[in-house]
Amino acid sequence: MTSPTVRGLLGDSVLRLIPRLTGRGLDTAIDWVHSSDLNDPTPFLSGDTMLLTTGTQFPQEDDDEYYRAYVDRLVAAGVVAVGFGLEVIREGTPASLVQACEEREVTLVEVPLEVPFIALIRWVADRISALERERDAWTLRAQRAVSVAALTTGTLVAVARALAEQVQGAIVILSSTGDVLLEERTSEIALAPLEEEGRKILGRGSRASVDVALPGWSGFATAQTLGPRGALRGAMGVAGAGHNDVAMQAVVTSAVAIAEVLLRYGDSERHLEQRLGSVIVRLLLDSQVGGAAAVSAEFQDDLPEALRVGILSPPAELPAAARGRLIDAVTRGRLAFVDDRGDRIVVVIDAASTERFLGVVAQVPGIGELAVGLSAVLAPVEASAGLAQAARVLSQNPGPGLNVFGESAGGLLDDLWSPAAENLAKKRLAVLADETGDLVVCSRLWLAHNGHWESAAREAGLHRHTLKARIARVGSLLQLDLDEFSGRAELWALLEASRS
């Protein structure tokens, strides 16, 4: 069933309409047919209306200016065509009306006396009603097709494929972190603008729906979030043929509801995987490699032979939803095992996936730049040492950015550093803790100034003799000759090794 048009009216032999001017409205869909003999019927007209008139309102003598103004009002109101009833008041259509319609390219038909206006109105109304019934039937068929796809397969891919077929277009679904989970299409459509808009509305964190213009696509396109406010599970982009009318919206809304349910179940499985991943991290850090390997087998995967341990240090003010997106992003596809410890996020990654891991972290919406500390490449049995390495490089460089153990300014000392060396250094330096003045701070400052008393004392806000006395006390307590290079080197090594 097609929309009613003037061409369709003319094609019905029962109506016997006479075409006078084809104009621009011959094939325009007619929303309604209205009859009026008012001088200005436009307050009672809606867009795409066909107006029928017998001309009782027209002047007895042809008045070109009157008819031009009359037709101008009809054009401004969006009238599709004018139907003039013959032989009711006049034998023929006024010549000035014909001329005004021709000048403005308005479609004009003549209605014979024996054809009542109600016949045209009923003809259009019947077809509009049939279209609505057909559209309702399509809505039910489309909703059923999407529902059956969900019930028989239980997969998001099948639901998206069924929806793409019903709307005769394409579907794209994004994860909560803005990654493209899947694309299904029946037409070649550029979906990049839909993906970009989906990431924008996800970044706002609240439910949203927005229309999107796609290059080269004559149909509609819309992007909308999936999931409740504050806990969005993703976004769906839909590009379909035709208009996004009530029937189309009903089908898309049904598909969105099904997708949200499937994503919620998928989230439950992912949360279980994330909890198992947390267990794996803790077992590795506790040197229980066998137990970690057994849990990893639940993923149908093996522990990496070479790994890195990392610490992500999100800002304290980071919203919980953004933190959740970060964890979801780095655990998706088993990129990393994660243990969320509140103040920091501990991760274990395959060393071969380091670049991909860092790329994923950098692209999580709403996160900004994080402080990231990574260990050197280690075997699984060395995971606990890897955590200490990651913590060390973060303590040395607490600001945002990436810090990799062994690649910092620490050089050889970093390579030789171990948790055991840190514990030894802290024990040696513990004797300084109860002394007057902060002897550790004074020692670091003095060494940073290459043993130059004047400049070091000036920065410390002390008299140089006071600083000398404190450094002498350090040497005495640690039993180091700080006048010798070897003594100073050992003090520097103790101070550096104690940084955790």
Protein backbone atom coordinates (compact mmCIF):
# COMPACT_ATOMS: atom_id res chain seq x y z
CA MET A 1 0.00 0.00 0.00
CA THR A 2 1.34 3.44 -1.00
CA SER A 3 0.42 6.84 0.36
CA PRO A 4 -2.54 8.61 -1.28
CA THR A 5 -1.54 11.17 -3.93
CA VAL A 6 -3.21 13.35 -6.54
CA ARG A 7 -1.92 10.97 -9.20
CA GLY A 8 -3.70 8.15 -7.40
CA LEU A 9 -6.95 10.15 -7.26
CA LEU A 10 -6.72 10.87 -10.97
CA GLY A 11 -6.13 7.20 -11.66
CA ASP A 12 -9.39 6.11 -10.06
CA SER A 13 -11.98 6.02 -12.87
CA VAL A 14 -14.88 6.19 -10.42
CA LEU A 15 -13.89 9.69 -9.32
CA ARG A 16 -13.52 10.98 -12.88
CA LEU A 17 -11.33 13.90 -11.84
CA ILE A 18 -10.08 16.19 -14.59
CA PRO A 19 -6.36 17.16 -14.45
CA ARG A 20 -5.88 20.88 -15.12
CA LEU A 21 -2.31 21.57 -13.86
CA THR A 22 0.20 18.90 -12.79
CA GLY A 23 2.23 21.32 -10.67
CA ARG A 24 4.64 20.07 -7.99
CA GLY A 25 2.18 18.21 -5.81
CA LEU A 26 1.16 15.44 -8.21
CA ASP A 27 3.08 12.71 -6.34
CA THR A 28 3.25 14.28 -2.87
CA ALA A 29 1.64 12.16 -0.14
CA ILE A 30 -1.68 13.66 0.98
CA ASP A 31 -2.23 13.76 4.75
CA TRP A 32 -5.87 14.84 4.48
CA VAL A 33 -8.52 16.36 2.19
CA HIS A 34 -10.37 19.45 3.42
CA SER A 35 -13.20 21.40 1.78
CA SER A 36 -13.70 25.10 2.45
CA ASP A 37 -15.13 28.15 0.73
CA LEU A 38 -13.51 30.60 3.12
CA ASN A 39 -11.41 33.43 1.75
CA ASP A 40 -8.64 32.28 4.07
CA PRO A 41 -8.99 28.61 5.05
CA THR A 42 -5.35 28.29 6.16
CA PRO A 43 -6.05 28.38 9.95
CA PHE A 44 -7.92 25.11 9.46
CA LEU A 45 -5.35 23.36 7.29
CA SER A 46 -2.44 21.09 8.19
CA GLY A 47 0.59 20.45 6.04
CA ASP A 48 0.25 18.34 2.87
CA THR A 49 -3.52 18.89 2.65
CA MET A 50 -5.57 18.85 -0.57
CA LEU A 51 -8.08 21.71 -0.53
CA LEU A 52 -11.48 21.38 -2.24
CA THR A 53 -13.61 24.45 -2.98
CA THR A 54 -16.71 25.37 -5.01
CA GLY A 55 -15.62 29.02 -5.25
CA THR A 56 -18.52 30.70 -3.47
CA GLN A 57 -15.98 32.98 -1.83
CA PHE A 58 -14.48 34.14 -5.13
CA PRO A 59 -15.43 37.55 -6.63
CA GLN A 60 -17.94 37.61 -9.52
CA GLU A 61 -15.38 39.14 -11.83
CA ASP A 62 -11.91 37.63 -12.24
CA ASP A 63 -9.45 39.54 -10.09
CA ASP A 64 -5.85 38.54 -10.70
CA GLU A 65 -4.55 40.12 -7.47
CA TYR A 66 -7.21 38.39 -5.36
CA TYR A 67 -6.39 34.95 -6.76
CA ARG A 68 -2.62 35.48 -6.45
CA ALA A 69 -3.03 36.40 -2.77
CA TYR A 70 -5.40 33.44 -2.25
CA VAL A 71 -2.99 30.91 -3.80
CA ASP A 72 -0.03 32.45 -1.95
CA ARG A 73 -1.82 31.76 1.34
CA LEU A 74 -2.43 28.15 0.32
CA VAL A 75 1.21 27.64 -0.69
CA ALA A 76 2.41 29.09 2.61
CA ALA A 77 0.13 26.65 4.46
CA GLY A 78 1.64 23.67 2.60
CA VAL A 79 -1.38 22.77 0.45
CA VAL A 80 -0.54 19.86 -1.88
CA ALA A 81 -3.21 20.54 -4.49
CA VAL A 82 -6.45 22.41 -5.16
CA GLY A 83 -9.62 20.68 -6.35
CA PHE A 84 -12.27 22.95 -7.88
CA GLY A 85 -15.90 21.78 -7.90
CA LEU A 86 -17.43 22.44 -11.34
CA GLU A 87 -20.93 23.75 -12.02
CA VAL A 88 -21.83 24.35 -8.39
CA ILE A 89 -21.35 28.11 -8.60
CA ARG A 90 -19.47 28.37 -11.91
CA GLU A 91 -19.38 26.29 -15.02
CA GLY A 92 -15.61 26.25 -15.18
CA THR A 93 -12.57 26.99 -13.09
CA PRO A 94 -11.84 30.76 -12.94
CA ALA A 95 -9.10 31.66 -15.40
CA SER A 96 -7.35 33.86 -12.82
CA LEU A 97 -7.22 30.90 -10.38
CA VAL A 98 -5.70 28.71 -13.09
CA GLN A 99 -3.14 31.41 -13.88
CA ALA A 100 -2.21 31.96 -10.21
CA CYS A 101 -1.78 28.19 -9.65
CA GLU A 102 0.31 27.86 -12.79
CA GLU A 103 2.61 30.71 -11.74
CA ARG A 104 3.19 29.04 -8.36
CA GLU A 105 3.33 25.46 -9.73
CA VAL A 106 0.33 24.38 -7.65
CA THR A 107 -1.39 21.15 -8.74
CA LEU A 108 -4.99 21.85 -9.85
CA VAL A 109 -7.76 19.34 -10.63
CA GLU A 110 -11.43 19.78 -11.49
CA VAL A 111 -14.17 17.81 -9.73
CA PRO A 112 -17.30 17.07 -11.82
CA LEU A 113 -20.67 18.10 -10.33
CA GLU A 114 -21.85 14.51 -9.89
CA VAL A 115 -18.78 13.59 -7.79
CA PRO A 116 -19.29 14.69 -4.16
CA PHE A 117 -16.35 16.05 -2.26
CA ILE A 118 -16.92 13.40 0.41
CA ALA A 119 -15.97 10.74 -2.16
CA LEU A 120 -12.48 12.22 -2.43
CA ILE A 121 -12.22 12.60 1.33
CA ARG A 122 -13.29 8.98 1.86
CA TRP A 123 -10.88 7.74 -0.85
CA VAL A 124 -7.93 9.38 0.91
CA ALA A 125 -9.13 8.41 4.41
CA ASP A 126 -9.50 4.75 3.39
CA ARG A 127 -5.95 4.62 2.10
CA ILE A 128 -4.53 6.40 5.14
CA SER A 129 -6.38 3.91 7.35
CA ALA A 130 -5.07 0.99 5.28
CA LEU A 131 -1.54 2.37 5.55
CA GLU A 132 -1.87 2.63 9.32
CA ARG A 133 -3.14 -0.94 9.56
CA GLU A 134 -0.29 -2.09 7.34
CA ARG A 135 2.19 -0.15 9.45
CA ASP A 136 0.77 -1.64 12.64
CA ALA A 137 1.08 -5.11 11.13
CA TRP A 138 4.70 -4.37 10.17
CA THR A 139 5.40 -3.20 13.72
CA LEU A 140 4.11 -6.46 15.16
CA ARG A 141 6.05 -8.54 12.60
CA ALA A 142 9.26 -6.60 13.23
CA GLN A 143 8.95 -6.79 17.01
CA ARG A 144 8.24 -10.51 16.76
CA ALA A 145 11.28 -11.06 14.51
CA VAL A 146 13.57 -9.28 16.98
CA SER A 147 12.04 -11.11 19.96
CA VAL A 148 12.35 -14.51 18.27
CA ALA A 149 16.01 -13.77 17.49
CA ALA A 150 16.60 -13.07 21.19
CA LEU A 151 14.67 -16.11 22.42
CA THR A 152 16.15 -18.64 20.00
CA THR A 153 19.79 -17.54 20.18
CA GLY A 154 20.10 -15.36 23.27
CA THR A 155 22.81 -13.33 21.53
CA LEU A 156 23.14 -9.62 20.93
CA VAL A 157 24.45 -10.30 17.42
CA ALA A 158 21.24 -12.07 16.39
CA VAL A 159 19.08 -9.26 17.80
CA ALA A 160 21.11 -6.61 15.95
CA ARG A 161 20.96 -8.62 12.72
CA ALA A 162 17.17 -9.02 12.98
CA LEU A 163 16.71 -5.31 13.70
CA ALA A 164 18.93 -4.32 10.75
CA GLU A 165 16.81 -6.51 8.45
CA GLN A 166 13.55 -5.03 9.72
CA VAL A 167 14.61 -1.38 9.40
CA GLN A 168 16.46 -2.12 6.13
CA GLY A 169 19.58 -0.39 7.31
CA ALA A 170 22.39 -0.93 9.81
CA ILE A 171 22.97 -1.33 13.54
CA VAL A 172 26.06 -0.59 15.61
CA ILE A 173 26.37 -1.37 19.33
CA LEU A 174 29.04 0.16 21.57
CA SER A 175 30.24 -1.04 24.96
CA SER A 176 30.07 1.20 28.03
CA THR A 177 33.62 2.30 27.22
CA GLY A 178 32.76 3.27 23.64
CA ASP A 179 34.29 0.23 21.94
CA VAL A 180 32.40 -1.15 18.92
CA LEU A 181 30.99 -4.50 20.04
CA LEU A 182 29.31 -5.36 16.74
CA GLU A 183 27.97 -4.01 13.46
CA GLU A 184 25.16 -5.50 11.39
CA ARG A 185 24.01 -4.03 8.10
CA THR A 186 21.83 -4.72 5.08
CA SER A 187 23.01 -1.57 3.27
CA GLU A 188 26.36 0.12 2.83
CA ILE A 189 26.10 2.95 5.34
CA ALA A 190 28.87 5.08 6.86
CA LEU A 191 28.41 4.43 10.59
CA ALA A 192 31.33 6.50 11.91
CA PRO A 193 29.12 9.51 12.82
CA LEU A 194 26.78 7.19 14.75
CA GLU A 195 29.72 5.70 16.65
CA GLU A 196 31.10 9.15 17.46
CA GLU A 197 27.73 10.40 18.71
CA GLY A 198 27.29 7.20 20.74
CA ARG A 199 30.60 7.85 22.53
CA LYS A 200 29.56 11.45 23.25
CA ILE A 201 26.29 10.51 24.93
CA LEU A 202 28.03 7.72 26.85
CA GLY A 203 30.54 10.25 28.15
CA ARG A 204 27.68 12.31 29.67
CA GLY A 205 26.65 9.33 31.83
CA SER A 206 22.87 9.84 31.53
CA ARG A 207 20.20 8.30 29.31
CA ALA A 208 19.98 10.09 25.98
CA SER A 209 18.79 9.73 22.39
CA VAL A 210 19.89 11.93 19.52
CA ASP A 211 19.25 12.09 15.77
CA VAL A 212 22.37 11.87 13.60
CA ALA A 213 22.96 12.93 9.99
CA LEU A 214 24.78 10.26 7.96
CA PRO A 215 26.51 11.19 4.69
CA GLY A 216 24.79 9.74 1.64
CA TRP A 217 21.92 8.19 3.63
CA SER A 218 18.37 9.32 2.82
CA GLY A 219 16.73 7.52 5.75
CA PHE A 220 16.90 8.29 9.44
CA ALA A 221 19.68 7.63 11.95
CA THR A 222 19.59 7.79 15.73
CA ALA A 223 21.93 6.95 18.61
CA GLN A 224 20.75 6.15 22.12
CA THR A 225 22.17 4.85 25.36
CA LEU A 226 21.55 1.39 26.80
CA GLY A 227 21.03 0.89 30.52
CA PRO A 228 19.96 3.07 33.47
CA ARG A 229 21.32 6.50 34.34
CA GLY A 230 24.61 6.25 36.20
CA ALA A 231 25.17 2.66 35.06
CA LEU A 232 25.08 2.81 31.27
CA ARG A 233 25.89 -0.50 29.62
CA GLY A 234 26.53 0.85 26.14
CA ALA A 235 24.91 2.62 23.22
CA MET A 236 23.04 1.57 20.08
CA GLY A 237 23.11 3.34 16.73
CA VAL A 238 20.28 2.64 14.27
CA ALA A 239 20.17 3.73 10.63
CA GLY A 240 16.93 2.80 8.87
CA ALA A 241 15.09 3.41 5.62
CA GLY A 242 12.16 5.83 5.60
CA HIS A 243 11.10 7.97 8.54
CA ASN A 244 11.54 7.48 12.24
CA ASP A 245 7.78 7.43 12.83
CA VAL A 246 5.84 6.02 15.77
CA ALA A 247 5.88 2.50 14.33
CA MET A 248 9.64 2.60 13.76
CA GLN A 249 10.23 3.98 17.25
CA ALA A 250 8.16 1.15 18.75
CA VAL A 251 10.33 -1.46 17.00
CA VAL A 252 13.59 0.23 17.98
CA THR A 253 12.40 0.69 21.57
CA SER A 254 11.61 -3.04 21.81
CA ALA A 255 15.06 -3.90 20.45
CA VAL A 256 16.71 -1.49 22.90
CA ALA A 257 14.90 -3.14 25.83
CA ILE A 258 16.02 -6.60 24.69
CA ALA A 259 19.59 -5.39 24.16
CA GLU A 260 19.67 -3.92 27.66
CA VAL A 261 18.56 -7.26 29.14
CA LEU A 262 21.19 -9.17 27.15
CA LEU A 263 23.87 -6.68 28.15
CA ARG A 264 22.81 -6.99 31.79
CA TYR A 265 23.21 -10.76 31.64
CA GLY A 266 26.48 -10.25 29.81
CA ASP A 267 27.55 -7.83 32.54
CA SER A 268 26.78 -10.49 35.17
CA GLU A 269 29.07 -12.93 33.39
CA ARG A 270 31.73 -10.23 33.00
CA HIS A 271 31.49 -9.35 36.70
CA LEU A 272 32.07 -13.02 37.52
CA GLU A 273 35.07 -13.05 35.20
CA GLN A 274 36.37 -9.87 36.81
CA ARG A 275 36.03 -11.41 40.28
CA LEU A 276 37.90 -14.50 39.12
CA GLY A 277 40.52 -12.20 37.63
CA SER A 278 40.87 -10.50 41.00
CA VAL A 279 41.45 -13.91 42.59
CA ILE A 280 44.14 -14.69 40.01
CA VAL A 281 45.94 -11.42 40.78
CA ARG A 282 45.91 -12.11 44.52
CA LEU A 283 47.13 -15.67 44.07
CA LEU A 284 49.99 -14.53 41.86
CA LEU A 285 51.01 -11.80 44.29
CA ASP A 286 50.94 -14.43 47.05
CA SER A 287 53.29 -16.61 44.94
CA GLN A 288 50.61 -19.30 44.53
CA VAL A 289 51.18 -19.74 40.80
CA GLY A 290 49.59 -23.20 40.70
CA GLY A 291 46.33 -21.91 42.16
CA ALA A 292 46.35 -18.93 39.81
CA ALA A 293 46.85 -21.26 36.83
CA ALA A 294 43.91 -23.41 37.96
CA VAL A 295 41.58 -20.41 38.21
CA SER A 296 42.82 -19.12 34.87
CA ALA A 297 41.83 -22.43 33.35
CA GLU A 298 38.21 -21.42 34.08
CA PHE A 299 38.73 -18.83 31.35
CA GLN A 300 39.91 -21.64 29.08
CA ASP A 301 43.21 -19.81 28.97
CA ASP A 302 46.73 -20.20 30.32
CA LEU A 303 48.68 -17.76 32.44
CA PRO A 304 51.11 -15.71 30.33
CA GLU A 305 54.67 -16.97 30.43
CA ALA A 306 55.94 -13.40 30.58
CA LEU A 307 53.87 -10.75 32.36
CA ARG A 308 53.91 -7.28 33.79
CA VAL A 309 52.31 -6.14 37.01
CA GLY A 310 50.85 -2.66 36.91
CA ILE A 311 49.25 -0.14 39.23
CA LEU A 312 46.69 2.36 37.98
CA SER A 313 46.23 5.28 40.34
CA PRO A 314 42.92 7.05 39.48
CA PRO A 315 42.19 10.50 40.95
CA ALA A 316 40.27 10.36 44.24
CA GLU A 317 37.44 12.42 42.71
CA LEU A 318 36.94 10.01 39.78
CA PRO A 319 33.23 9.01 39.66
CA ALA A 320 32.40 5.37 40.33
CA ALA A 321 30.86 5.02 36.85
CA ALA A 322 34.07 6.20 35.19
CA ARG A 323 36.11 3.84 37.36
CA GLY A 324 33.79 1.01 36.30
CA ARG A 325 34.30 1.90 32.62
CA LEU A 326 38.07 1.77 33.15
CA ILE A 327 37.94 -1.69 34.74
CA ASP A 328 35.52 -2.91 32.08
CA ALA A 329 37.81 -1.66 29.32
CA VAL A 330 41.00 -3.32 30.57
CA THR A 331 39.29 -6.64 31.36
CA ARG A 332 37.38 -6.90 28.07
CA GLY A 333 38.74 -9.68 25.90
CA ARG A 334 40.79 -10.84 28.92
CA LEU A 335 43.31 -8.12 28.23
CA ALA A 336 44.19 -7.95 31.94
CA PHE A 337 43.40 -9.51 35.30
CA VAL A 338 42.36 -6.77 37.71
CA ASP A 339 42.18 -6.40 41.49
CA ASP A 340 40.41 -3.16 42.49
CA ARG A 341 41.86 -2.10 45.83
CA GLY A 342 40.06 1.21 46.21
CA ASP A 343 43.00 3.60 46.29
CA ARG A 344 44.64 1.80 43.37
CA ILE A 345 43.87 -0.75 40.67
CA VAL A 346 46.36 -3.62 40.38
CA VAL A 347 46.58 -5.31 36.98
CA VAL A 348 48.44 -8.30 35.56
CA ILE A 349 48.89 -8.30 31.80
CA ASP A 350 50.61 -10.41 29.20
CA ALA A 351 53.88 -8.61 28.45
CA ALA A 352 53.17 -8.93 24.72
CA SER A 353 49.95 -6.92 25.18
CA THR A 354 51.54 -3.92 26.89
CA GLU A 355 51.02 -1.47 24.02
CA ARG A 356 47.43 -2.56 23.48
CA PHE A 357 46.73 -2.27 27.21
CA LEU A 358 48.09 1.29 27.35
CA GLY A 359 46.12 2.23 24.22
CA VAL A 360 42.86 0.96 25.76
CA VAL A 361 43.49 2.86 29.01
CA ALA A 362 44.14 6.09 27.11
CA GLN A 363 40.85 5.84 25.20
CA VAL A 364 38.44 5.24 28.09
CA PRO A 365 35.98 8.20 28.05
CA GLY A 366 35.80 10.41 31.12
CA ILE A 367 39.06 9.17 32.66
CA GLY A 368 41.71 11.66 31.63
CA GLU A 369 45.40 10.96 32.14
CA LEU A 370 46.18 8.41 34.86
CA ALA A 371 49.29 7.69 36.87
CA VAL A 372 50.39 4.26 35.63
CA GLY A 373 53.26 2.22 37.03
CA LEU A 374 54.42 -0.96 35.26
CA SER A 375 56.92 -3.55 36.37
CA ALA A 376 59.63 -5.01 34.20
CA VAL A 377 58.82 -8.16 32.22
CA LEU A 378 58.73 -11.01 34.72
CA ALA A 379 57.82 -14.68 35.09
CA PRO A 380 54.59 -15.50 36.98
CA VAL A 381 56.59 -16.61 40.04
CA GLU A 382 58.03 -13.07 40.25
CA ALA A 383 54.63 -11.31 40.34
CA SER A 384 55.03 -10.12 43.95
CA ALA A 385 58.32 -8.44 43.00
CA GLY A 386 56.49 -6.90 40.05
CA LEU A 387 53.97 -5.24 42.36
CA ALA A 388 56.80 -3.76 44.40
CA GLN A 389 58.47 -2.51 41.20
CA ALA A 390 55.27 -0.83 40.02
CA ALA A 391 54.75 0.78 43.42
CA ARG A 392 58.35 2.02 43.43
CA VAL A 393 58.16 3.79 40.07
CA LEU A 394 54.85 5.39 41.08
CA SER A 395 56.30 6.65 44.36
CA GLN A 396 59.19 8.18 42.45
CA ASN A 397 56.87 9.78 39.86
CA PRO A 398 53.38 10.16 41.40
CA GLY A 399 52.04 12.51 38.70
CA PRO A 400 49.92 11.49 35.68
CA GLY A 401 51.65 9.48 32.98
CA LEU A 402 53.36 6.15 32.37
CA ASN A 403 56.31 4.94 34.44
CA VAL A 404 58.00 1.62 33.67
CA PHE A 405 60.41 0.03 36.11
CA GLY A 406 63.95 -0.07 34.72
CA GLU A 407 63.26 2.77 32.27
CA SER A 408 63.38 5.65 34.75
CA ALA A 409 66.26 7.91 35.76
CA GLY A 410 67.19 5.43 38.49
CA GLY A 411 69.28 3.51 35.99
CA LEU A 412 71.40 0.68 37.35
CA LEU A 413 70.11 1.12 40.90
CA ASP A 414 66.56 0.42 39.69
CA ASP A 415 67.77 -2.73 37.98
CA LEU A 416 69.43 -3.87 41.22
CA TRP A 417 66.51 -2.84 43.43
CA SER A 418 64.31 -5.48 45.05
CA PRO A 419 61.82 -5.57 47.94
CA ALA A 420 64.55 -7.19 50.03
CA ALA A 421 66.90 -4.30 49.26
CA GLU A 422 64.18 -1.83 50.24
CA ASN A 423 63.58 -3.58 53.55
CA LEU A 424 67.30 -3.64 54.29
CA ALA A 425 67.64 0.07 53.49
CA LYS A 426 64.69 1.00 55.69
CA LYS A 427 66.13 -0.99 58.59
CA ARG A 428 69.49 0.77 58.22
CA LEU A 429 67.84 4.20 58.06
CA ALA A 430 65.48 3.52 60.97
CA VAL A 431 68.15 4.73 63.43
CA LEU A 432 67.71 8.26 62.05
CA ALA A 433 64.00 8.46 62.82
CA ASP A 434 64.20 9.45 66.49
CA GLU A 435 66.87 12.11 66.06
CA THR A 436 66.32 15.87 66.28
CA GLY A 437 65.67 17.39 62.87
CA ASP A 438 64.65 15.39 59.81
CA LEU A 439 67.98 13.72 59.10
CA VAL A 440 66.65 11.81 56.06
CA VAL A 441 65.41 15.01 54.41
CA CYS A 442 68.66 16.81 55.23
CA SER A 443 70.65 13.92 53.77
CA ARG A 444 68.68 13.90 50.50
CA LEU A 445 69.00 17.68 50.19
CA TRP A 446 72.73 17.69 50.89
CA LEU A 447 73.41 14.93 48.33
CA ALA A 448 71.16 16.67 45.78
CA HIS A 449 73.47 19.70 46.10
CA ASN A 450 76.55 17.50 45.57
CA GLY A 451 77.68 18.11 49.17
CA HIS A 452 77.76 21.91 48.76
CA TRP A 453 77.05 23.27 52.23
CA GLU A 454 76.07 26.84 51.41
CA SER A 455 73.45 26.10 48.74
CA ALA A 456 72.03 23.07 50.60
CA ALA A 457 71.73 25.02 53.89
CA ARG A 458 70.08 27.93 52.07
CA GLU A 459 67.40 25.66 50.56
CA ALA A 460 66.86 23.90 53.89
CA GLY A 461 66.53 27.20 55.72
CA LEU A 462 69.36 26.26 58.09
CA HIS A 463 72.74 27.70 59.05
CA ARG A 464 75.49 25.75 57.33
CA HIS A 465 76.99 24.74 60.68
CA THR A 466 73.61 23.28 61.74
CA LEU A 467 73.43 21.29 58.48
CA LYS A 468 77.03 20.10 58.94
CA ALA A 469 76.23 18.92 62.45
CA ARG A 470 73.21 16.96 61.28
CA ILE A 471 75.10 15.30 58.41
CA ALA A 472 77.89 14.39 60.82
CA ARG A 473 75.27 12.78 63.07
CA VAL A 474 73.99 10.78 60.09
CA GLY A 475 77.49 9.49 59.38
CA SER A 476 77.96 8.54 63.02
CA LEU A 477 74.64 6.67 63.34
CA LEU A 478 75.11 4.79 60.05
CA GLN A 479 78.82 4.26 60.66
CA LEU A 480 79.69 5.83 57.32
CA ASP A 481 82.60 8.15 56.52
CA LEU A 482 80.75 10.83 54.57
CA ASP A 483 83.97 12.67 53.78
CA GLU A 484 84.74 9.77 51.44
CA PHE A 485 82.99 9.13 48.10
CA SER A 486 82.22 5.50 49.06
CA GLY A 487 80.39 6.63 52.21
CA ARG A 488 78.34 9.18 50.33
CA ALA A 489 77.54 6.64 47.60
CA GLU A 490 76.30 4.14 50.18
CA LEU A 491 74.11 6.79 51.85
CA TRP A 492 72.63 7.72 48.45
CA ALA A 493 71.97 4.04 47.65
CA LEU A 494 70.22 3.53 51.02
CA LEU A 495 68.04 6.58 50.44
CA GLU A 496 67.10 5.53 46.90
CA ALA A 497 66.44 1.91 47.81
CA SER A 498 64.13 2.95 50.67
CA ARG A 499 61.70 4.74 48.32
CA SER A 500 58.63 2.49 48.05
